[in-house]
Amino acid sequence: MSEFKRLSVSEIFVPERLREVDEDHALAIQASIVAHGQFNPITVRITPNGKRPYTLVAGAHRYRAIELLGDDQDIDVLVVKADKDEAVILEIEENLFRNDLSVIDRAVFVETYRDAWELVHGQINPKGGRPKNRDNLSLFSDSPVGLLEAEAEKGFSAACADRLGVSSKSIQRLNRISQNLPKPVRKAIAGTPIADNQSQLLKLAKMPPEKLKKFPVALRETKDFKKAMFVLEPPAPKPDPVKQQLSALISSWKHASPDARAEFLSFAGLVEAADDGGAS
């Protein structure tokens, strides 16, 4: 069961979010709320033993927008019954299909969704079947991710499936990104064009961990992905063409027959060519 309420923002605790709040986005929402009011409630759960009586589940940007108006502001909320793990699932389900999610946000959400789902419902069997937790027989295939992936296999728009991150290949790509990019790197690229560039994110995901740790500093100093990558992985110097040719000549000389060497020396003018009668 859930119910609508109107609470003070001071009653709501905001835990660490999977997706960091963009202050500019929050300010834009604030302007809309001031002009037109709050269209959609945020989602909270009851936490009587927590830091505050309610904890935010979903709607961090809307919460921040109203919080910027003052701690005495009231906000429309939907109160749900959920524990910490279930709250993670609810947060992701609300955000997973939003078009404004960057690739890195979607990667983190898809991976965390599966992890959280397994905590609540039991481990997912990759071959299908029921989860180990018999108390709840829901299947992962019934989740938003599973349902859309099934639709994709039936002919659902491939472009849309890739954008949502629900095709099998897309999920594999997103998992590579989320699993191989540590939090400091995610934080460094948040709000930059890199965060929504899957190609660049996959390049980062392939980078050795010791070099990847240095990426945030390189990006901060260069302000550019390609320049930062150049600093961390400079291309090999181009070979000297003269040295290449010399090496080829030496190799050819080593493998040449005596007659061929004699002909070459004669061609180079290093010895006189033998006359038709042979050597004197």
C-alpha atoms as a PDB file:
ATOM      1  CA  MET A   1       0.000   0.000   0.000  1.00  0.00           C
ATOM      2  CA  SER A   2       1.067   3.565  -0.626  1.00  0.00           C
ATOM      3  CA  GLU A   3      -0.433   6.921   0.221  1.00  0.00           C
ATOM      4  CA  PHE A   4      -0.011  10.530  -0.803  1.00  0.00           C
ATOM      5  CA  LYS A   5       1.087  13.066   1.796  1.00  0.00           C
ATOM      6  CA  ARG A   6       2.480  16.536   2.058  1.00  0.00           C
ATOM      7  CA  LEU A   7       5.624  16.702   4.195  1.00  0.00           C
ATOM      8  CA  SER A   8       8.211  19.276   5.145  1.00  0.00           C
ATOM      9  CA  VAL A   9      11.518  18.799   3.312  1.00  0.00           C
ATOM     10  CA  SER A  10      13.171  18.799   6.750  1.00  0.00           C
ATOM     11  CA  GLU A  11      11.403  15.491   7.540  1.00  0.00           C
ATOM     12  CA  ILE A  12      13.069  13.674   4.646  1.00  0.00           C
ATOM     13  CA  PHE A  13      16.551  12.170   4.724  1.00  0.00           C
ATOM     14  CA  VAL A  14      18.401  11.942   1.402  1.00  0.00           C
ATOM     15  CA  PRO A  15      20.821   8.979   1.234  1.00  0.00           C
ATOM     16  CA  GLU A  16      23.674   8.674  -1.234  1.00  0.00           C
ATOM     17  CA  ARG A  17      22.214   8.464  -4.725  1.00  0.00           C
ATOM     18  CA  LEU A  18      23.112   6.184  -7.611  1.00  0.00           C
ATOM     19  CA  ARG A  19      22.834   9.248  -9.801  1.00  0.00           C
ATOM     20  CA  GLU A  20      24.265  12.497  -8.465  1.00  0.00           C
ATOM     21  CA  VAL A  21      21.989  15.520  -8.424  1.00  0.00           C
ATOM     22  CA  ASP A  22      22.762  18.091 -11.092  1.00  0.00           C
ATOM     23  CA  GLU A  23      22.304  21.512  -9.496  1.00  0.00           C
ATOM     24  CA  ASP A  24      21.490  23.201 -12.812  1.00  0.00           C
ATOM     25  CA  HIS A  25      18.797  20.604 -13.478  1.00  0.00           C
ATOM     26  CA  ALA A  26      17.388  21.141  -9.997  1.00  0.00           C
ATOM     27  CA  LEU A  27      17.304  24.913 -10.538  1.00  0.00           C
ATOM     28  CA  ALA A  28      15.398  24.439 -13.800  1.00  0.00           C
ATOM     29  CA  ILE A  29      12.836  22.265 -12.006  1.00  0.00           C
ATOM     30  CA  GLN A  30      12.632  24.861  -9.234  1.00  0.00           C
ATOM     31  CA  ALA A  31      11.727  27.562 -11.744  1.00  0.00           C
ATOM     32  CA  SER A  32       8.955  25.341 -13.108  1.00  0.00           C
ATOM     33  CA  ILE A  33       7.635  24.581  -9.616  1.00  0.00           C
ATOM     34  CA  VAL A  34       7.596  28.258  -8.683  1.00  0.00           C
ATOM     35  CA  ALA A  35       5.677  29.066 -11.854  1.00  0.00           C
ATOM     36  CA  HIS A  36       3.310  26.110 -12.057  1.00  0.00           C
ATOM     37  CA  GLY A  37       3.543  24.114  -8.830  1.00  0.00           C
ATOM     38  CA  GLN A  38       4.766  20.549  -8.260  1.00  0.00           C
ATOM     39  CA  PHE A  39       3.328  18.226 -10.885  1.00  0.00           C
ATOM     40  CA  ASN A  40       4.735  14.886  -9.669  1.00  0.00           C
ATOM     41  CA  PRO A  41       5.296  13.765  -6.075  1.00  0.00           C
ATOM     42  CA  ILE A  42       8.576  12.319  -4.926  1.00  0.00           C
ATOM     43  CA  THR A  43       8.687   8.813  -3.453  1.00  0.00           C
ATOM     44  CA  VAL A  44       9.705   8.226   0.170  1.00  0.00           C
ATOM     45  CA  ARG A  45       9.655   5.352   2.634  1.00  0.00           C
ATOM     46  CA  ILE A  46       8.978   5.389   6.357  1.00  0.00           C
ATOM     47  CA  THR A  47      12.133   5.131   8.481  1.00  0.00           C
ATOM     48  CA  PRO A  48      11.079   5.595  12.140  1.00  0.00           C
ATOM     49  CA  ASN A  49      14.520   4.562  13.379  1.00  0.00           C
ATOM     50  CA  GLY A  50      16.427   6.529  10.767  1.00  0.00           C
ATOM     51  CA  LYS A  51      18.000   9.971  10.829  1.00  0.00           C
ATOM     52  CA  ARG A  52      14.626  11.430   9.831  1.00  0.00           C
ATOM     53  CA  PRO A  53      11.117   9.910   9.834  1.00  0.00           C
ATOM     54  CA  TYR A  54      11.146   9.522   6.055  1.00  0.00           C
ATOM     55  CA  THR A  55      13.883   8.616   3.547  1.00  0.00           C
ATOM     56  CA  LEU A  56      13.925   9.605  -0.098  1.00  0.00           C
ATOM     57  CA  VAL A  57      13.480   6.738  -2.563  1.00  0.00           C
ATOM     58  CA  ALA A  58      13.049   8.535  -5.901  1.00  0.00           C
ATOM     59  CA  GLY A  59      12.787  12.121  -7.079  1.00  0.00           C
ATOM     60  CA  ALA A  60      16.081  13.596  -5.872  1.00  0.00           C
ATOM     61  CA  HIS A  61      16.066  16.458  -8.381  1.00  0.00           C
ATOM     62  CA  ARG A  62      12.499  17.446  -7.453  1.00  0.00           C
ATOM     63  CA  TYR A  63      13.409  17.257  -3.766  1.00  0.00           C
ATOM     64  CA  ARG A  64      16.508  19.411  -4.288  1.00  0.00           C
ATOM     65  CA  ALA A  65      14.513  21.936  -6.329  1.00  0.00           C
ATOM     66  CA  ILE A  66      12.101  22.519  -3.445  1.00  0.00           C
ATOM     67  CA  GLU A  67      14.832  22.310  -0.809  1.00  0.00           C
ATOM     68  CA  LEU A  68      16.558  25.239  -2.537  1.00  0.00           C
ATOM     69  CA  LEU A  69      13.473  27.310  -1.734  1.00  0.00           C
ATOM     70  CA  GLY A  70      14.066  26.772   1.998  1.00  0.00           C
ATOM     71  CA  ASP A  71      13.956  24.135   4.755  1.00  0.00           C
ATOM     72  CA  ASP A  72      10.450  25.213   5.711  1.00  0.00           C
ATOM     73  CA  GLN A  73       9.012  24.233   2.328  1.00  0.00           C
ATOM     74  CA  ASP A  74       6.459  21.457   1.956  1.00  0.00           C
ATOM     75  CA  ILE A  75       6.609  18.815  -0.746  1.00  0.00           C
ATOM     76  CA  ASP A  76       4.136  16.326  -2.203  1.00  0.00           C
ATOM     77  CA  VAL A  77       5.228  12.734  -1.560  1.00  0.00           C
ATOM     78  CA  LEU A  78       4.109   9.197  -2.223  1.00  0.00           C
ATOM     79  CA  VAL A  79       4.855   7.112   0.866  1.00  0.00           C
ATOM     80  CA  VAL A  80       5.639   3.463   0.100  1.00  0.00           C
ATOM     81  CA  LYS A  81       6.382   0.487   2.303  1.00  0.00           C
ATOM     82  CA  ALA A  82       9.852  -0.719   1.379  1.00  0.00           C
ATOM     83  CA  ASP A  83      13.093  -1.746   3.036  1.00  0.00           C
ATOM     84  CA  LYS A  84      16.501  -0.472   1.941  1.00  0.00           C
ATOM     85  CA  ASP A  85      16.974  -3.039  -0.834  1.00  0.00           C
ATOM     86  CA  GLU A  86      13.449  -2.631  -2.185  1.00  0.00           C
ATOM     87  CA  ALA A  87      13.966   1.136  -2.159  1.00  0.00           C
ATOM     88  CA  VAL A  88      16.949   0.737  -4.508  1.00  0.00           C
ATOM     89  CA  ILE A  89      14.741  -1.178  -6.948  1.00  0.00           C
ATOM     90  CA  LEU A  90      12.057   1.506  -6.797  1.00  0.00           C
ATOM     91  CA  GLU A  91      14.604   4.265  -7.387  1.00  0.00           C
ATOM     92  CA  ILE A  92      15.972   2.503 -10.449  1.00  0.00           C
ATOM     93  CA  GLU A  93      12.573   1.591 -11.883  1.00  0.00           C
ATOM     94  CA  GLU A  94      11.523   5.230 -11.795  1.00  0.00           C
ATOM     95  CA  ASN A  95      14.718   6.404 -13.481  1.00  0.00           C
ATOM     96  CA  LEU A  96      15.703   3.548 -15.796  1.00  0.00           C
ATOM     97  CA  PHE A  97      13.547   4.529 -18.741  1.00  0.00           C
ATOM     98  CA  ARG A  98      14.070   8.287 -18.586  1.00  0.00           C
ATOM     99  CA  ASN A  99      15.534   9.729 -21.776  1.00  0.00           C
ATOM    100  CA  ASP A 100      17.739  12.150 -19.845  1.00  0.00           C
ATOM    101  CA  LEU A 101      19.852   9.375 -18.332  1.00  0.00           C
ATOM    102  CA  SER A 102      23.424   9.383 -19.554  1.00  0.00           C
ATOM    103  CA  VAL A 103      25.103   6.141 -20.633  1.00  0.00           C
ATOM    104  CA  ILE A 104      27.147   5.993 -17.417  1.00  0.00           C
ATOM    105  CA  ASP A 105      24.019   6.543 -15.282  1.00  0.00           C
ATOM    106  CA  ARG A 106      22.168   3.845 -17.183  1.00  0.00           C
ATOM    107  CA  ALA A 107      25.130   1.469 -16.820  1.00  0.00           C
ATOM    108  CA  VAL A 108      25.172   1.905 -13.040  1.00  0.00           C
ATOM    109  CA  PHE A 109      21.382   1.607 -12.815  1.00  0.00           C
ATOM    110  CA  VAL A 110      21.178  -1.603 -14.876  1.00  0.00           C
ATOM    111  CA  GLU A 111      23.927  -3.323 -12.871  1.00  0.00           C
ATOM    112  CA  THR A 112      22.584  -2.161  -9.505  1.00  0.00           C
ATOM    113  CA  TYR A 113      19.033  -3.123 -10.493  1.00  0.00           C
ATOM    114  CA  ARG A 114      20.030  -6.737 -11.026  1.00  0.00           C
ATOM    115  CA  ASP A 115      22.063  -6.848  -7.802  1.00  0.00           C
ATOM    116  CA  ALA A 116      19.226  -5.318  -5.775  1.00  0.00           C
ATOM    117  CA  TRP A 117      16.630  -7.546  -7.422  1.00  0.00           C
ATOM    118  CA  GLU A 118      18.601 -10.650  -6.421  1.00  0.00           C
ATOM    119  CA  LEU A 119      18.844  -9.432  -2.815  1.00  0.00           C
ATOM    120  CA  VAL A 120      15.064  -9.103  -2.634  1.00  0.00           C
ATOM    121  CA  HIS A 121      13.851 -11.987  -4.794  1.00  0.00           C
ATOM    122  CA  GLY A 122      16.708 -14.502  -4.872  1.00  0.00           C
ATOM    123  CA  GLN A 123      19.554 -15.257  -7.268  1.00  0.00           C
ATOM    124  CA  ILE A 124      18.672 -15.180 -10.942  1.00  0.00           C
ATOM    125  CA  ASN A 125      19.178 -18.434 -12.828  1.00  0.00           C
ATOM    126  CA  PRO A 126      20.813 -17.521 -16.168  1.00  0.00           C
ATOM    127  CA  LYS A 127      19.089 -20.581 -17.698  1.00  0.00           C
ATOM    128  CA  GLY A 128      15.685 -19.468 -16.473  1.00  0.00           C
ATOM    129  CA  GLY A 129      13.454 -20.866 -13.760  1.00  0.00           C
ATOM    130  CA  ARG A 130      12.485 -19.743 -10.308  1.00  0.00           C
ATOM    131  CA  PRO A 131      14.811 -17.821  -7.959  1.00  0.00           C
ATOM    132  CA  LYS A 132      16.219 -19.642  -4.937  1.00  0.00           C
ATOM    133  CA  ASN A 133      14.141 -17.490  -2.588  1.00  0.00           C
ATOM    134  CA  ARG A 134      10.918 -19.500  -2.587  1.00  0.00           C
ATOM    135  CA  ASP A 135       9.171 -16.877  -0.439  1.00  0.00           C
ATOM    136  CA  ASN A 136       8.858 -14.713  -3.534  1.00  0.00           C
ATOM    137  CA  LEU A 137       8.402 -16.528  -6.833  1.00  0.00           C
ATOM    138  CA  SER A 138       8.578 -13.465  -9.084  1.00  0.00           C
ATOM    139  CA  LEU A 139      10.987 -13.899 -11.981  1.00  0.00           C
ATOM    140  CA  PHE A 140      13.540 -11.436 -13.252  1.00  0.00           C
ATOM    141  CA  SER A 141      11.846 -11.747 -16.649  1.00  0.00           C
ATOM    142  CA  ASP A 142       8.828  -9.984 -15.104  1.00  0.00           C
ATOM    143  CA  SER A 143      10.916  -6.913 -14.271  1.00  0.00           C
ATOM    144  CA  PRO A 144      10.983  -3.836 -16.558  1.00  0.00           C
ATOM    145  CA  VAL A 145      14.424  -4.873 -17.804  1.00  0.00           C
ATOM    146  CA  GLY A 146      13.373  -8.429 -18.576  1.00  0.00           C
ATOM    147  CA  LEU A 147      10.083  -7.465 -20.202  1.00  0.00           C
ATOM    148  CA  LEU A 148      11.650  -4.953 -22.562  1.00  0.00           C
ATOM    149  CA  GLU A 149      14.444  -7.334 -23.460  1.00  0.00           C
ATOM    150  CA  ALA A 150      11.844  -9.929 -24.393  1.00  0.00           C
ATOM    151  CA  GLU A 151      10.063  -7.353 -26.545  1.00  0.00           C
ATOM    152  CA  ALA A 152      13.364  -6.501 -28.240  1.00  0.00           C
ATOM    153  CA  GLU A 153      13.800 -10.142 -29.249  1.00  0.00           C
ATOM    154  CA  LYS A 154      10.308 -10.088 -30.815  1.00  0.00           C
ATOM    155  CA  GLY A 155      11.154  -7.117 -33.032  1.00  0.00           C
ATOM    156  CA  PHE A 156      10.978  -4.197 -30.607  1.00  0.00           C
ATOM    157  CA  SER A 157      12.830  -1.181 -32.055  1.00  0.00           C
ATOM    158  CA  ALA A 158      16.523  -2.062 -31.867  1.00  0.00           C
ATOM    159  CA  ALA A 159      17.470   1.602 -31.609  1.00  0.00           C
ATOM    160  CA  CYS A 160      15.051   2.127 -28.733  1.00  0.00           C
ATOM    161  CA  ALA A 161      16.222  -1.065 -27.013  1.00  0.00           C
ATOM    162  CA  ASP A 162      19.846   0.047 -27.244  1.00  0.00           C
ATOM    163  CA  ARG A 163      18.971   3.508 -25.958  1.00  0.00           C
ATOM    164  CA  LEU A 164      17.126   2.058 -22.975  1.00  0.00           C
ATOM    165  CA  GLY A 165      19.925  -0.402 -22.329  1.00  0.00           C
ATOM    166  CA  VAL A 166      17.710  -3.466 -22.326  1.00  0.00           C
ATOM    167  CA  SER A 167      18.915  -5.604 -25.237  1.00  0.00           C
ATOM    168  CA  SER A 168      21.251  -8.442 -24.261  1.00  0.00           C
ATOM    169  CA  LYS A 169      24.223  -6.905 -26.059  1.00  0.00           C
ATOM    170  CA  SER A 170      23.458  -3.484 -24.625  1.00  0.00           C
ATOM    171  CA  ILE A 171      23.302  -4.871 -21.091  1.00  0.00           C
ATOM    172  CA  GLN A 172      26.666  -6.574 -21.630  1.00  0.00           C
ATOM    173  CA  ARG A 173      28.195  -3.282 -22.782  1.00  0.00           C
ATOM    174  CA  LEU A 174      26.672  -1.386 -19.870  1.00  0.00           C
ATOM    175  CA  ASN A 175      27.946  -3.997 -17.422  1.00  0.00           C
ATOM    176  CA  ARG A 176      31.486  -3.675 -18.778  1.00  0.00           C
ATOM    177  CA  ILE A 177      31.280   0.065 -18.210  1.00  0.00           C
ATOM    178  CA  SER A 178      29.824  -0.059 -14.703  1.00  0.00           C
ATOM    179  CA  GLN A 179      32.042  -2.896 -13.480  1.00  0.00           C
ATOM    180  CA  ASN A 180      35.325  -1.487 -14.798  1.00  0.00           C
ATOM    181  CA  LEU A 181      34.921   2.207 -14.002  1.00  0.00           C
ATOM    182  CA  PRO A 182      35.573   2.960 -10.301  1.00  0.00           C
ATOM    183  CA  LYS A 183      33.614   5.638  -8.488  1.00  0.00           C
ATOM    184  CA  PRO A 184      36.322   8.371  -8.734  1.00  0.00           C
ATOM    185  CA  VAL A 185      36.296   8.005 -12.527  1.00  0.00           C
ATOM    186  CA  ARG A 186      32.480   8.089 -12.653  1.00  0.00           C
ATOM    187  CA  LYS A 187      32.496  11.237 -10.538  1.00  0.00           C
ATOM    188  CA  ALA A 188      35.123  12.887 -12.751  1.00  0.00           C
ATOM    189  CA  ILE A 189      33.087  12.369 -15.920  1.00  0.00           C
ATOM    190  CA  ALA A 190      29.663  13.151 -14.422  1.00  0.00           C
ATOM    191  CA  GLY A 191      28.078  16.079 -16.231  1.00  0.00           C
ATOM    192  CA  THR A 192      30.588  15.939 -19.089  1.00  0.00           C
ATOM    193  CA  PRO A 193      29.946  14.740 -22.664  1.00  0.00           C
ATOM    194  CA  ILE A 194      31.990  11.632 -21.823  1.00  0.00           C
ATOM    195  CA  ALA A 195      29.214  10.395 -19.518  1.00  0.00           C
ATOM    196  CA  ASP A 196      26.912   9.956 -22.517  1.00  0.00           C
ATOM    197  CA  ASN A 197      29.508   8.706 -25.008  1.00  0.00           C
ATOM    198  CA  GLN A 198      29.387   4.919 -24.970  1.00  0.00           C
ATOM    199  CA  SER A 199      32.413   4.558 -27.249  1.00  0.00           C
ATOM    200  CA  GLN A 200      34.617   6.637 -24.953  1.00  0.00           C
ATOM    201  CA  LEU A 201      33.292   4.861 -21.855  1.00  0.00           C
ATOM    202  CA  LEU A 202      34.123   1.463 -23.353  1.00  0.00           C
ATOM    203  CA  LYS A 203      37.651   2.692 -24.136  1.00  0.00           C
ATOM    204  CA  LEU A 204      38.038   3.702 -20.507  1.00  0.00           C
ATOM    205  CA  ALA A 205      36.654   0.329 -19.387  1.00  0.00           C
ATOM    206  CA  LYS A 206      39.443  -1.434 -21.325  1.00  0.00           C
ATOM    207  CA  MET A 207      42.180   0.666 -19.739  1.00  0.00           C
ATOM    208  CA  PRO A 208      44.486  -1.038 -17.183  1.00  0.00           C
ATOM    209  CA  PRO A 209      43.449  -0.166 -13.595  1.00  0.00           C
ATOM    210  CA  GLU A 210      46.751   1.551 -12.776  1.00  0.00           C
ATOM    211  CA  LYS A 211      46.297   3.965 -15.704  1.00  0.00           C
ATOM    212  CA  LEU A 212      42.572   4.377 -15.120  1.00  0.00           C
ATOM    213  CA  LYS A 213      43.256   5.702 -11.605  1.00  0.00           C
ATOM    214  CA  LYS A 214      45.149   8.598 -13.177  1.00  0.00           C
ATOM    215  CA  PHE A 215      42.359   9.506 -15.612  1.00  0.00           C
ATOM    216  CA  PRO A 216      40.487  11.976 -13.324  1.00  0.00           C
ATOM    217  CA  VAL A 217      43.676  14.043 -12.891  1.00  0.00           C
ATOM    218  CA  ALA A 218      44.481  13.905 -16.603  1.00  0.00           C
ATOM    219  CA  LEU A 219      40.948  14.973 -17.494  1.00  0.00           C
ATOM    220  CA  ARG A 220      40.993  17.814 -14.975  1.00  0.00           C
ATOM    221  CA  GLU A 221      44.255  19.140 -16.430  1.00  0.00           C
ATOM    222  CA  THR A 222      43.409  18.718 -20.135  1.00  0.00           C
ATOM    223  CA  LYS A 223      39.623  19.289 -20.079  1.00  0.00           C
ATOM    224  CA  ASP A 224      39.365  16.922 -23.050  1.00  0.00           C
ATOM    225  CA  PHE A 225      38.920  13.142 -23.383  1.00  0.00           C
ATOM    226  CA  LYS A 226      41.321  12.643 -26.299  1.00  0.00           C
ATOM    227  CA  LYS A 227      44.007  14.790 -24.699  1.00  0.00           C
ATOM    228  CA  ALA A 228      43.631  12.968 -21.384  1.00  0.00           C
ATOM    229  CA  MET A 229      43.929   9.608 -23.134  1.00  0.00           C
ATOM    230  CA  PHE A 230      47.004  10.887 -24.992  1.00  0.00           C
ATOM    231  CA  VAL A 231      48.624  11.759 -21.658  1.00  0.00           C
ATOM    232  CA  LEU A 232      47.891   8.318 -20.210  1.00  0.00           C
ATOM    233  CA  GLU A 233      48.504   6.267 -23.344  1.00  0.00           C
ATOM    234  CA  PRO A 234      50.675   8.258 -25.758  1.00  0.00           C
ATOM    235  CA  PRO A 235      50.865   6.646 -29.198  1.00  0.00           C
ATOM    236  CA  ALA A 236      54.055   4.855 -30.087  1.00  0.00           C
ATOM    237  CA  PRO A 237      56.503   7.138 -31.937  1.00  0.00           C
ATOM    238  CA  LYS A 238      56.353   6.817 -35.703  1.00  0.00           C
ATOM    239  CA  PRO A 239      59.295   4.792 -37.032  1.00  0.00           C
ATOM    240  CA  ASP A 240      62.053   6.640 -38.895  1.00  0.00           C
ATOM    241  CA  PRO A 241      61.587   5.764 -42.612  1.00  0.00           C
ATOM    242  CA  VAL A 242      65.341   6.033 -43.258  1.00  0.00           C
ATOM    243  CA  LYS A 243      66.085   3.561 -40.467  1.00  0.00           C
ATOM    244  CA  GLN A 244      63.361   1.267 -41.779  1.00  0.00           C
ATOM    245  CA  GLN A 245      64.904   1.289 -45.252  1.00  0.00           C
ATOM    246  CA  LEU A 246      68.394   0.768 -43.843  1.00  0.00           C
ATOM    247  CA  SER A 247      67.180  -2.176 -41.809  1.00  0.00           C
ATOM    248  CA  ALA A 248      65.578  -3.682 -44.900  1.00  0.00           C
ATOM    249  CA  LEU A 249      68.803  -3.279 -46.885  1.00  0.00           C
ATOM    250  CA  ILE A 250      70.901  -4.880 -44.153  1.00  0.00           C
ATOM    251  CA  SER A 251      68.465  -7.782 -43.926  1.00  0.00           C
ATOM    252  CA  SER A 252      68.558  -8.250 -47.697  1.00  0.00           C
ATOM    253  CA  TRP A 253      72.374  -8.160 -47.688  1.00  0.00           C
ATOM    254  CA  LYS A 254      72.546 -10.830 -44.994  1.00  0.00           C
ATOM    255  CA  HIS A 255      70.348 -13.152 -47.025  1.00  0.00           C
ATOM    256  CA  ALA A 256      71.865 -12.372 -50.437  1.00  0.00           C
ATOM    257  CA  SER A 257      74.071 -14.865 -52.327  1.00  0.00           C
ATOM    258  CA  PRO A 258      77.708 -13.989 -53.137  1.00  0.00           C
ATOM    259  CA  ASP A 259      76.791 -13.355 -56.788  1.00  0.00           C
ATOM    260  CA  ALA A 260      73.952 -11.020 -55.780  1.00  0.00           C
ATOM    261  CA  ARG A 261      76.263  -9.138 -53.423  1.00  0.00           C
ATOM    262  CA  ALA A 262      78.835  -8.735 -56.197  1.00  0.00           C
ATOM    263  CA  GLU A 263      76.181  -7.400 -58.564  1.00  0.00           C
ATOM    264  CA  PHE A 264      75.005  -4.950 -55.897  1.00  0.00           C
ATOM    265  CA  LEU A 265      78.524  -3.673 -55.191  1.00  0.00           C
ATOM    266  CA  SER A 266      79.042  -3.188 -58.906  1.00  0.00           C
ATOM    267  CA  PHE A 267      75.714  -1.333 -59.191  1.00  0.00           C
ATOM    268  CA  ALA A 268      76.681   0.905 -56.306  1.00  0.00           C
ATOM    269  CA  GLY A 269      79.996   1.674 -57.974  1.00  0.00           C
ATOM    270  CA  LEU A 270      81.953   0.231 -55.097  1.00  0.00           C
ATOM    271  CA  VAL A 271      83.829  -2.244 -57.349  1.00  0.00           C
ATOM    272  CA  GLU A 272      84.444  -2.448 -61.069  1.00  0.00           C
ATOM    273  CA  ALA A 273      82.173  -4.782 -62.971  1.00  0.00           C
ATOM    274  CA  ALA A 274      83.849  -7.910 -64.297  1.00  0.00           C
ATOM    275  CA  ASP A 275      84.348  -8.047 -68.116  1.00  0.00           C
ATOM    276  CA  ASP A 276      82.824 -10.731 -70.301  1.00  0.00           C
ATOM    277  CA  GLY A 277      85.976 -12.810 -70.098  1.00  0.00           C
ATOM    278  CA  GLY A 278      85.664 -13.131 -66.382  1.00  0.00           C
ATOM    279  CA  ALA A 279      88.038 -11.900 -63.738  1.00  0.00           C
ATOM    280  CA  SER A 280      91.668 -11.349 -64.736  1.00  0.00           C
END
